[in-house]
Amino acid sequence: MFRLHRILSYLAMICCVTFSASVFAADSAENLYQTNCLQCHSTEIYTRAMHRINAFDMLERQVKRCELSLGLQWFDKDIHAVAVYLNEHFYHFLR
């Protein structure tokens, strides 16, 4: 019985850590977006009729180009997180 309790406790802890990490990543992506992306352009670029970006992989590559042009030195996970944030809020591409 004690062993089962210990295993369930570990599983609960792992679930909490995983959930916290995903929430942190979403908050971090929004912060990166608010701090850096909006300095160059408004949200109108994402909602215009003639999108240049028409798939998630193109969106992720564009975020990488913007990151490089601004010299931000983001990690790949940050680039991906910002692309996911933009996709969820503006583009809605299938991934």
N, C-alpha and C. Protein backbone atom coordinates (compact mmCIF):
# COMPACT_ATOMS: atom_id res chain seq x y z
N MET A 1 0.82 -1.20 0.00
CA MET A 1 0.00 0.00 0.00
C MET A 1 0.86 1.26 0.00
N PHE A 2 1.91 1.24 0.83
CA PHE A 2 2.79 2.40 0.90
C PHE A 2 3.47 2.64 -0.45
N ARG A 3 3.86 1.55 -1.12
CA ARG A 3 4.52 1.66 -2.41
C ARG A 3 3.57 2.28 -3.45
N LEU A 4 2.33 1.87 -3.46
CA LEU A 4 1.34 2.42 -4.38
C LEU A 4 1.15 3.92 -4.12
N HIS A 5 1.08 4.29 -2.87
CA HIS A 5 0.94 5.70 -2.50
C HIS A 5 2.13 6.51 -3.00
N ARG A 6 3.32 5.96 -2.85
CA ARG A 6 4.53 6.65 -3.30
C ARG A 6 4.52 6.81 -4.82
N ILE A 7 4.14 5.77 -5.54
CA ILE A 7 4.09 5.84 -7.00
C ILE A 7 3.07 6.89 -7.45
N LEU A 8 1.90 6.89 -6.84
CA LEU A 8 0.88 7.88 -7.19
C LEU A 8 1.34 9.29 -6.88
N SER A 9 2.06 9.46 -5.80
CA SER A 9 2.60 10.78 -5.45
C SER A 9 3.59 11.26 -6.50
N TYR A 10 4.47 10.37 -6.95
CA TYR A 10 5.44 10.72 -7.99
C TYR A 10 4.73 11.09 -9.30
N LEU A 11 3.73 10.32 -9.66
CA LEU A 11 2.98 10.61 -10.88
C LEU A 11 2.28 11.96 -10.81
N ALA A 12 1.70 12.26 -9.68
CA ALA A 12 1.04 13.56 -9.49
C ALA A 12 2.05 14.69 -9.59
N MET A 13 3.22 14.50 -9.01
CA MET A 13 4.26 15.52 -9.06
C MET A 13 4.73 15.74 -10.50
N ILE A 14 4.91 14.68 -11.26
CA ILE A 14 5.34 14.80 -12.65
C ILE A 14 4.30 15.54 -13.47
N CYS A 15 3.03 15.24 -13.25
CA CYS A 15 1.96 15.93 -13.96
C CYS A 15 1.96 17.42 -13.66
N CYS A 16 2.15 17.77 -12.41
CA CYS A 16 2.17 19.18 -12.01
C CYS A 16 3.34 19.91 -12.64
N VAL A 17 4.50 19.30 -12.65
CA VAL A 17 5.69 19.93 -13.24
C VAL A 17 5.50 20.11 -14.74
N THR A 18 4.96 19.10 -15.41
CA THR A 18 4.73 19.19 -16.85
C THR A 18 3.73 20.30 -17.17
N PHE A 19 2.64 20.37 -16.43
CA PHE A 19 1.65 21.42 -16.64
C PHE A 19 2.25 22.79 -16.39
N SER A 20 3.02 22.94 -15.32
CA SER A 20 3.65 24.22 -15.00
C SER A 20 4.60 24.64 -16.10
N ALA A 21 5.35 23.71 -16.66
CA ALA A 21 6.30 24.03 -17.72
C ALA A 21 5.57 24.51 -18.97
N SER A 22 4.45 23.89 -19.32
CA SER A 22 3.72 24.32 -20.50
C SER A 22 3.08 25.68 -20.30
N VAL A 23 2.59 25.96 -19.11
CA VAL A 23 2.04 27.28 -18.81
C VAL A 23 3.14 28.33 -18.86
N PHE A 24 4.31 28.01 -18.31
CA PHE A 24 5.44 28.93 -18.34
C PHE A 24 5.87 29.21 -19.78
N ALA A 25 5.89 28.18 -20.63
CA ALA A 25 6.28 28.37 -22.02
C ALA A 25 5.31 29.30 -22.74
N ALA A 26 4.02 29.15 -22.48
CA ALA A 26 3.03 30.02 -23.10
C ALA A 26 3.19 31.45 -22.62
N ASP A 27 3.40 31.65 -21.33
CA ASP A 27 3.62 32.99 -20.79
C ASP A 27 4.89 33.59 -21.35
N SER A 28 5.94 32.78 -21.45
CA SER A 28 7.21 33.23 -21.97
C SER A 28 7.08 33.65 -23.44
N ALA A 29 6.37 32.85 -24.24
CA ALA A 29 6.17 33.17 -25.65
C ALA A 29 5.41 34.48 -25.80
N GLU A 30 4.38 34.66 -25.00
CA GLU A 30 3.62 35.91 -25.07
C GLU A 30 4.50 37.09 -24.69
N ASN A 31 5.32 36.92 -23.68
CA ASN A 31 6.22 37.99 -23.26
C ASN A 31 7.24 38.31 -24.36
N LEU A 32 7.82 37.29 -24.97
CA LEU A 32 8.77 37.51 -26.07
C LEU A 32 8.09 38.25 -27.21
N TYR A 33 6.88 37.84 -27.54
CA TYR A 33 6.12 38.48 -28.60
C TYR A 33 5.84 39.95 -28.27
N GLN A 34 5.31 40.20 -27.08
CA GLN A 34 4.97 41.56 -26.67
C GLN A 34 6.20 42.46 -26.64
N THR A 35 7.30 41.93 -26.17
CA THR A 35 8.52 42.71 -25.99
C THR A 35 9.24 42.99 -27.31
N ASN A 36 9.23 42.03 -28.23
CA ASN A 36 10.06 42.15 -29.42
C ASN A 36 9.29 42.33 -30.72
N CYS A 37 8.28 41.53 -30.96
CA CYS A 37 7.59 41.55 -32.25
C CYS A 37 6.81 42.83 -32.48
N LEU A 38 6.17 43.31 -31.45
CA LEU A 38 5.33 44.50 -31.59
C LEU A 38 6.14 45.78 -31.73
N GLN A 39 7.45 45.70 -31.55
CA GLN A 39 8.29 46.88 -31.77
C GLN A 39 8.37 47.24 -33.25
N CYS A 40 8.28 46.22 -34.12
CA CYS A 40 8.43 46.45 -35.56
C CYS A 40 7.10 46.60 -36.29
N HIS A 41 6.09 45.90 -35.86
CA HIS A 41 4.81 45.94 -36.57
C HIS A 41 3.66 45.64 -35.62
N SER A 42 2.47 46.06 -36.05
CA SER A 42 1.27 45.84 -35.24
C SER A 42 0.67 44.48 -35.59
N THR A 43 -0.43 44.15 -34.98
CA THR A 43 -1.09 42.87 -35.24
C THR A 43 -1.77 42.84 -36.60
N GLU A 44 -1.87 43.97 -37.28
CA GLU A 44 -2.51 44.00 -38.60
C GLU A 44 -1.80 43.11 -39.60
N ILE A 45 -0.50 42.92 -39.42
CA ILE A 45 0.26 42.09 -40.35
C ILE A 45 -0.25 40.65 -40.34
N TYR A 46 -0.81 40.21 -39.24
CA TYR A 46 -1.29 38.83 -39.12
C TYR A 46 -2.71 38.66 -39.64
N THR A 47 -3.44 39.74 -39.75
CA THR A 47 -4.86 39.63 -40.11
C THR A 47 -5.17 40.17 -41.50
N ARG A 48 -4.16 40.60 -42.23
CA ARG A 48 -4.42 41.14 -43.58
C ARG A 48 -4.85 40.01 -44.52
N ALA A 49 -5.53 40.39 -45.58
CA ALA A 49 -6.11 39.41 -46.49
C ALA A 49 -5.05 38.61 -47.25
N MET A 50 -4.00 39.24 -47.69
CA MET A 50 -2.98 38.58 -48.50
C MET A 50 -1.80 38.15 -47.63
N HIS A 51 -1.96 37.04 -46.92
CA HIS A 51 -0.87 36.51 -46.09
C HIS A 51 0.27 36.01 -46.95
N ARG A 52 1.48 36.30 -46.54
CA ARG A 52 2.64 35.68 -47.17
C ARG A 52 2.91 34.31 -46.54
N ILE A 53 2.47 34.14 -45.33
CA ILE A 53 2.67 32.91 -44.58
C ILE A 53 1.40 32.07 -44.70
N ASN A 54 1.54 30.83 -45.19
CA ASN A 54 0.34 30.01 -45.35
C ASN A 54 0.46 28.60 -44.77
N ALA A 55 1.46 28.38 -43.92
CA ALA A 55 1.62 27.09 -43.24
C ALA A 55 2.46 27.32 -41.98
N PHE A 56 2.30 26.42 -41.01
CA PHE A 56 3.00 26.60 -39.74
C PHE A 56 4.52 26.60 -39.91
N ASP A 57 5.06 25.74 -40.75
CA ASP A 57 6.52 25.71 -40.92
C ASP A 57 7.04 27.02 -41.51
N MET A 58 6.25 27.64 -42.39
CA MET A 58 6.62 28.96 -42.92
C MET A 58 6.59 30.01 -41.81
N LEU A 59 5.62 29.92 -40.94
CA LEU A 59 5.51 30.84 -39.81
C LEU A 59 6.73 30.72 -38.90
N GLU A 60 7.11 29.49 -38.60
CA GLU A 60 8.27 29.28 -37.73
C GLU A 60 9.55 29.82 -38.38
N ARG A 61 9.69 29.62 -39.69
CA ARG A 61 10.86 30.17 -40.39
C ARG A 61 10.85 31.70 -40.37
N GLN A 62 9.68 32.30 -40.48
CA GLN A 62 9.59 33.76 -40.45
C GLN A 62 9.96 34.30 -39.07
N VAL A 63 9.51 33.63 -38.03
CA VAL A 63 9.89 34.04 -36.67
C VAL A 63 11.41 33.96 -36.53
N LYS A 64 12.03 32.93 -37.08
CA LYS A 64 13.49 32.78 -37.05
C LYS A 64 14.16 33.94 -37.79
N ARG A 65 13.64 34.31 -38.96
CA ARG A 65 14.21 35.43 -39.72
C ARG A 65 14.12 36.73 -38.92
N CYS A 66 12.98 36.95 -38.30
CA CYS A 66 12.82 38.17 -37.48
C CYS A 66 13.78 38.16 -36.31
N GLU A 67 13.91 37.02 -35.66
CA GLU A 67 14.83 36.88 -34.52
C GLU A 67 16.26 37.18 -34.94
N LEU A 68 16.67 36.67 -36.09
CA LEU A 68 18.03 36.92 -36.59
C LEU A 68 18.23 38.38 -36.96
N SER A 69 17.24 38.98 -37.62
CA SER A 69 17.40 40.37 -38.06
C SER A 69 17.46 41.34 -36.88
N LEU A 70 16.84 40.97 -35.77
CA LEU A 70 16.90 41.81 -34.57
C LEU A 70 18.07 41.46 -33.66
N GLY A 71 18.79 40.38 -33.98
CA GLY A 71 19.93 39.96 -33.16
C GLY A 71 19.54 39.53 -31.76
N LEU A 72 18.42 38.84 -31.64
CA LEU A 72 17.88 38.52 -30.31
C LEU A 72 18.55 37.32 -29.64
N GLN A 73 19.11 36.40 -30.41
CA GLN A 73 19.77 35.20 -29.87
C GLN A 73 18.83 34.34 -29.03
N TRP A 74 17.64 34.08 -29.55
CA TRP A 74 16.69 33.19 -28.89
C TRP A 74 17.12 31.74 -29.07
N PHE A 75 16.69 30.90 -28.17
CA PHE A 75 16.86 29.46 -28.33
C PHE A 75 15.81 28.97 -29.34
N ASP A 76 16.06 27.81 -29.94
CA ASP A 76 15.09 27.23 -30.88
C ASP A 76 13.73 27.02 -30.23
N LYS A 77 13.73 26.65 -28.95
CA LYS A 77 12.45 26.43 -28.26
C LYS A 77 11.68 27.74 -28.12
N ASP A 78 12.38 28.87 -28.00
CA ASP A 78 11.71 30.17 -27.93
C ASP A 78 11.09 30.53 -29.28
N ILE A 79 11.83 30.28 -30.35
CA ILE A 79 11.32 30.54 -31.69
C ILE A 79 10.06 29.71 -31.93
N HIS A 80 10.13 28.45 -31.57
CA HIS A 80 8.97 27.56 -31.74
C HIS A 80 7.80 28.04 -30.88
N ALA A 81 8.07 28.43 -29.65
CA ALA A 81 7.00 28.88 -28.75
C ALA A 81 6.32 30.13 -29.28
N VAL A 82 7.08 31.07 -29.82
CA VAL A 82 6.48 32.28 -30.38
C VAL A 82 5.67 31.94 -31.62
N ALA A 83 6.17 31.02 -32.44
CA ALA A 83 5.41 30.59 -33.62
C ALA A 83 4.09 29.94 -33.19
N VAL A 84 4.14 29.11 -32.16
CA VAL A 84 2.91 28.48 -31.64
C VAL A 84 1.96 29.56 -31.12
N TYR A 85 2.48 30.52 -30.39
CA TYR A 85 1.66 31.62 -29.87
C TYR A 85 0.97 32.36 -31.02
N LEU A 86 1.73 32.73 -32.04
CA LEU A 86 1.16 33.44 -33.19
C LEU A 86 0.12 32.58 -33.90
N ASN A 87 0.42 31.31 -34.03
CA ASN A 87 -0.52 30.41 -34.70
C ASN A 87 -1.83 30.29 -33.91
N GLU A 88 -1.74 30.16 -32.62
CA GLU A 88 -2.94 30.03 -31.79
C GLU A 88 -3.78 31.30 -31.77
N HIS A 89 -3.14 32.46 -31.85
CA HIS A 89 -3.87 33.72 -31.73
C HIS A 89 -4.26 34.35 -33.06
N PHE A 90 -3.55 34.02 -34.14
CA PHE A 90 -3.82 34.69 -35.41
C PHE A 90 -4.02 33.76 -36.60
N TYR A 91 -3.12 32.83 -36.81
CA TYR A 91 -3.10 32.07 -38.06
C TYR A 91 -3.99 30.82 -38.07
N HIS A 92 -3.93 30.03 -37.05
CA HIS A 92 -4.73 28.81 -36.91
C HIS A 92 -4.41 27.75 -37.97
N PHE A 93 -3.12 27.57 -38.26
CA PHE A 93 -2.68 26.51 -39.17
C PHE A 93 -2.72 25.17 -38.45
N LEU A 94 -2.93 24.11 -39.21
CA LEU A 94 -2.79 22.76 -38.66
C LEU A 94 -1.30 22.48 -38.52
N ARG A 95 -0.95 21.76 -37.45
CA ARG A 95 0.47 21.43 -37.26
C ARG A 95 0.66 19.95 -37.32
